Protein backbone atom coordinates (compact mmCIF):
# COMPACT_ATOMS: atom_id res chain seq x y z
CA MET A 1 0.00 0.00 0.00
CA LYS A 2 1.37 3.42 -0.97
CA LEU A 3 1.70 6.22 1.58
CA ASN A 4 -1.14 8.26 0.11
CA GLU A 5 -3.41 5.21 0.50
CA LYS A 6 -2.29 4.77 4.10
CA LEU A 7 -2.98 8.45 4.78
CA ALA A 8 -6.41 8.18 3.12
CA THR A 9 -7.17 5.21 5.40
CA ILE A 10 -6.36 7.29 8.47
CA GLN A 11 -8.25 10.32 7.14
CA THR A 12 -11.43 8.32 6.61
CA LYS A 13 -11.32 6.25 9.83
CA PHE A 14 -9.74 8.76 12.21
CA LYS A 15 -11.80 10.12 15.09
CA SER A 16 -10.51 12.48 17.75
CA LYS A 17 -12.92 13.53 20.44
CA LYS A 18 -13.02 17.05 21.78
CA SER A 19 -11.96 16.02 25.26
CA ARG A 20 -10.95 19.44 26.56
CA PHE A 21 -13.38 22.06 27.90
CA ASN A 22 -12.99 25.84 27.90
CA SER A 23 -14.92 26.86 31.02
CA PHE A 24 -15.03 30.56 30.16
CA GLY A 25 -16.19 30.11 26.57
CA LYS A 26 -18.19 26.99 27.52
CA TYR A 27 -17.11 24.89 24.56
CA ASN A 28 -15.29 21.61 23.99
CA PHE A 29 -12.14 21.41 21.90
CA ARG A 30 -9.40 18.97 20.95
CA SER A 31 -5.69 19.56 21.45
CA ALA A 32 -2.69 18.48 19.40
CA GLU A 33 -2.07 15.84 22.08
CA ASP A 34 -5.62 14.49 21.59
CA ILE A 35 -5.03 14.22 17.84
CA LEU A 36 -1.68 12.47 18.28
CA GLU A 37 -3.19 10.03 20.77
CA ALA A 38 -5.94 9.16 18.27
CA THR A 39 -3.36 8.40 15.53
CA LYS A 40 -1.43 5.84 17.59
CA PRO A 41 -3.58 2.81 16.68
CA TYR A 42 -2.79 3.39 12.99
CA LEU A 43 0.99 3.73 13.29
CA LEU A 44 1.95 0.07 13.67
CA GLU A 45 -1.07 -1.18 11.73
CA LEU A 46 -0.09 0.81 8.62
CA GLY A 47 3.68 1.03 9.18
CA VAL A 48 3.81 4.82 9.36
CA SER A 49 5.12 7.46 11.74
CA VAL A 50 3.89 10.97 12.45
CA THR A 51 6.15 13.84 13.46
CA ILE A 52 5.78 17.58 14.00
CA ASN A 53 8.56 20.09 13.45
CA GLU A 54 8.48 23.81 14.16
CA VAL A 55 10.61 26.58 12.73
CA LEU A 56 10.72 30.29 13.48
CA ILE A 57 10.34 31.67 9.95
CA GLN A 58 10.13 35.38 10.75
CA ASN A 59 10.93 37.54 13.76
CA GLU A 60 9.94 41.06 12.67
CA PRO A 61 7.53 42.76 13.18
CA PHE A 62 6.49 39.76 15.33
CA PRO A 63 7.53 36.09 15.52
CA ILE A 64 5.90 33.69 13.08
CA LEU A 65 6.14 29.93 13.57
CA GLU A 66 5.68 27.30 10.89
CA SER A 67 4.46 23.95 12.18
CA LYS A 68 4.90 21.02 9.82
CA ALA A 69 3.11 17.72 10.44
CA THR A 70 4.59 14.78 8.53
CA ILE A 71 3.42 11.24 7.96
CA SER A 72 6.05 8.91 6.56
CA ASP A 73 6.83 5.30 5.87
CA SER A 74 10.11 3.76 4.77
CA GLU A 75 9.65 5.07 1.21
CA SER A 76 8.07 8.53 1.24
CA ALA A 77 6.61 11.38 3.29
CA ILE A 78 3.62 13.72 3.09
CA HIS A 79 3.62 17.08 4.87
CA ALA A 80 1.02 19.63 5.95
CA THR A 81 1.82 23.00 7.46
CA ALA A 82 0.26 25.73 9.54
CA ILE A 83 1.59 29.24 10.04
CA VAL A 84 0.91 31.12 13.29
CA GLY A 85 2.00 34.43 14.72
CA VAL A 86 3.02 34.95 18.33
CA ASP A 87 0.99 37.73 19.95
CA LEU A 88 3.67 39.58 21.92
CA VAL A 89 1.20 42.09 23.38
CA GLN A 90 -1.20 39.44 24.75
CA LYS A 91 -2.03 40.53 28.28
CA GLY A 92 -1.97 38.07 31.16
CA MET A 93 0.67 35.73 29.73
CA GLN A 94 4.39 35.37 30.30
CA MET A 95 6.59 35.17 27.18
CA PRO A 96 6.96 31.35 27.31
CA GLN A 97 3.15 31.05 27.51
CA LYS A 98 2.76 33.29 24.44
CA PHE A 99 5.11 31.09 22.40
CA GLY A 100 3.63 27.88 23.87
CA SER A 101 0.12 28.97 22.96
CA ALA A 102 1.11 29.77 19.38
CA SER A 103 3.07 26.50 19.16
CA SER A 104 0.11 24.41 20.38
CA TYR A 105 -2.21 26.17 17.96
CA GLY A 106 0.16 25.61 15.03
CA LYS A 107 0.66 21.92 15.83
CA LYS A 108 -3.08 21.35 16.16
CA TYR A 109 -3.83 22.97 12.81
CA ALA A 110 -0.94 21.29 10.97
CA LEU A 111 -2.23 17.91 12.19
CA GLY A 112 -5.77 18.94 11.31
CA ASN A 113 -4.63 19.79 7.78
CA LEU A 114 -2.76 16.49 7.44
CA PHE A 115 -5.61 14.30 8.68
CA LEU A 116 -8.44 16.41 7.21
CA ILE A 117 -10.02 16.87 10.62
CA ASP A 118 -13.26 18.77 10.44
CA ASP A 119 -15.96 19.60 12.92
CA THR A 120 -18.73 17.80 11.09
CA ALA A 121 -21.30 16.76 13.65
CA ASP A 122 -23.00 13.42 13.35
CA SER A 123 -26.63 13.48 12.24
CA ASP A 124 -27.90 12.93 15.79
CA ALA A 125 -26.11 16.05 16.96
CA SER A 126 -28.16 18.23 14.64
CA ASN A 127 -31.36 16.18 14.50
CA SER A 128 -34.20 17.66 16.58
CA HIS A 129 -36.11 14.32 16.48
CA GLY A 130 -39.34 16.21 15.74
CA LYS A 131 -39.04 18.47 18.77
CA ALA A 132 -38.92 22.24 18.55
CA PRO A 133 -35.50 23.63 19.49
CA VAL A 134 -35.27 25.14 22.95
CA ALA A 135 -34.20 28.78 22.87
CA LYS A 136 -31.03 29.46 24.83
CA THR A 137 -31.13 32.27 27.34
CA LYS A 138 -28.15 34.30 28.41
CA ASN A 139 -26.78 34.00 31.90
CA THR A 140 -26.98 37.19 33.92
CA LEU A 141 -24.01 38.82 35.56
CA THR A 142 -25.11 41.45 38.04
CA SER A 143 -22.75 41.07 41.00
CA LYS A 144 -19.02 41.29 41.59
CA GLU A 145 -19.51 38.37 44.01
CA ASP A 146 -20.46 36.07 41.12
CA PRO A 147 -17.47 33.80 40.21
CA ALA A 148 -18.15 34.62 36.54
CA TYR A 149 -17.24 38.26 37.27
CA GLU A 150 -13.66 37.33 38.23
CA LYS A 151 -13.37 35.15 35.12
CA ALA A 152 -14.62 38.07 33.01
CA VAL A 153 -12.02 40.39 34.59
CA GLN A 154 -9.26 37.85 33.87
CA TYR A 155 -10.52 37.40 30.30
CA ILE A 156 -10.40 41.15 29.64
CA ALA A 157 -6.99 41.45 31.33
CA ALA A 158 -5.73 38.78 28.93
CA GLY A 159 -6.88 40.85 25.94
CA GLY A 160 -10.46 39.55 25.58
CA LYS A 161 -13.24 41.77 24.30
CA ILE A 162 -16.24 42.86 26.33
CA GLU A 163 -18.44 42.12 23.29
CA ALA A 164 -17.65 38.41 23.73
CA ILE A 165 -18.74 38.60 27.36
CA LYS A 166 -21.93 40.47 26.41
CA ALA A 167 -22.71 37.75 23.85
CA LYS A 168 -22.83 35.18 26.67
CA TYR A 169 -24.09 37.27 29.60
CA SER A 170 -26.67 39.94 30.25
CA LEU A 171 -24.65 42.51 32.19
CA SER A 172 -25.98 45.07 34.65
CA LYS A 173 -24.84 48.63 33.93
CA GLU A 174 -22.70 48.51 37.10
CA ILE A 175 -20.89 45.33 36.02
CA GLU A 176 -20.42 46.54 32.44
CA GLY A 177 -18.94 49.80 33.72
CA ALA A 178 -16.63 47.95 36.12
CA LEU A 179 -15.42 45.67 33.32
CA LEU A 180 -14.82 48.63 31.00
CA THR A 181 -12.58 50.26 33.62
CA THR A 182 -10.32 47.20 33.61
CA LEU A 183 -9.40 47.77 29.95
């Protein structure tokens, strides 16, 4: 079996669950580590290996990393890349965290490009089974004592936008004003 056939086998059978949860944004996601873990059953079965290499390809006006995911066998290799910038002005992060975040993002997307990972939901995820959809209501944030307030402050301190908070929460005028003063 040629390498492109081996890769096509992985691309069509591969499943990587979104096992991580972002508690502020309230969504599930998968990491590069999750993707790599999901590829392991195919490595020995198909006689392939998967590697990721990163290179700093530009430093001015800000660092840009190229992540290259490679699948190879003893005869050939196929590569997929992702390019990411390092946000040097990101608030709330130390410099190693800024590079680590960009690195993780690049690895995840290079692997996603290689394995054609998409976010297609299965039919049951979008099937209402004849029931009317339930309208989602926003949570309210009206007190500085609410644990969500501290998370919102941290989010804004890290460079987040108040519009994103307002999309998820109904804010009292007092809370909105307090959050705006943290900018």
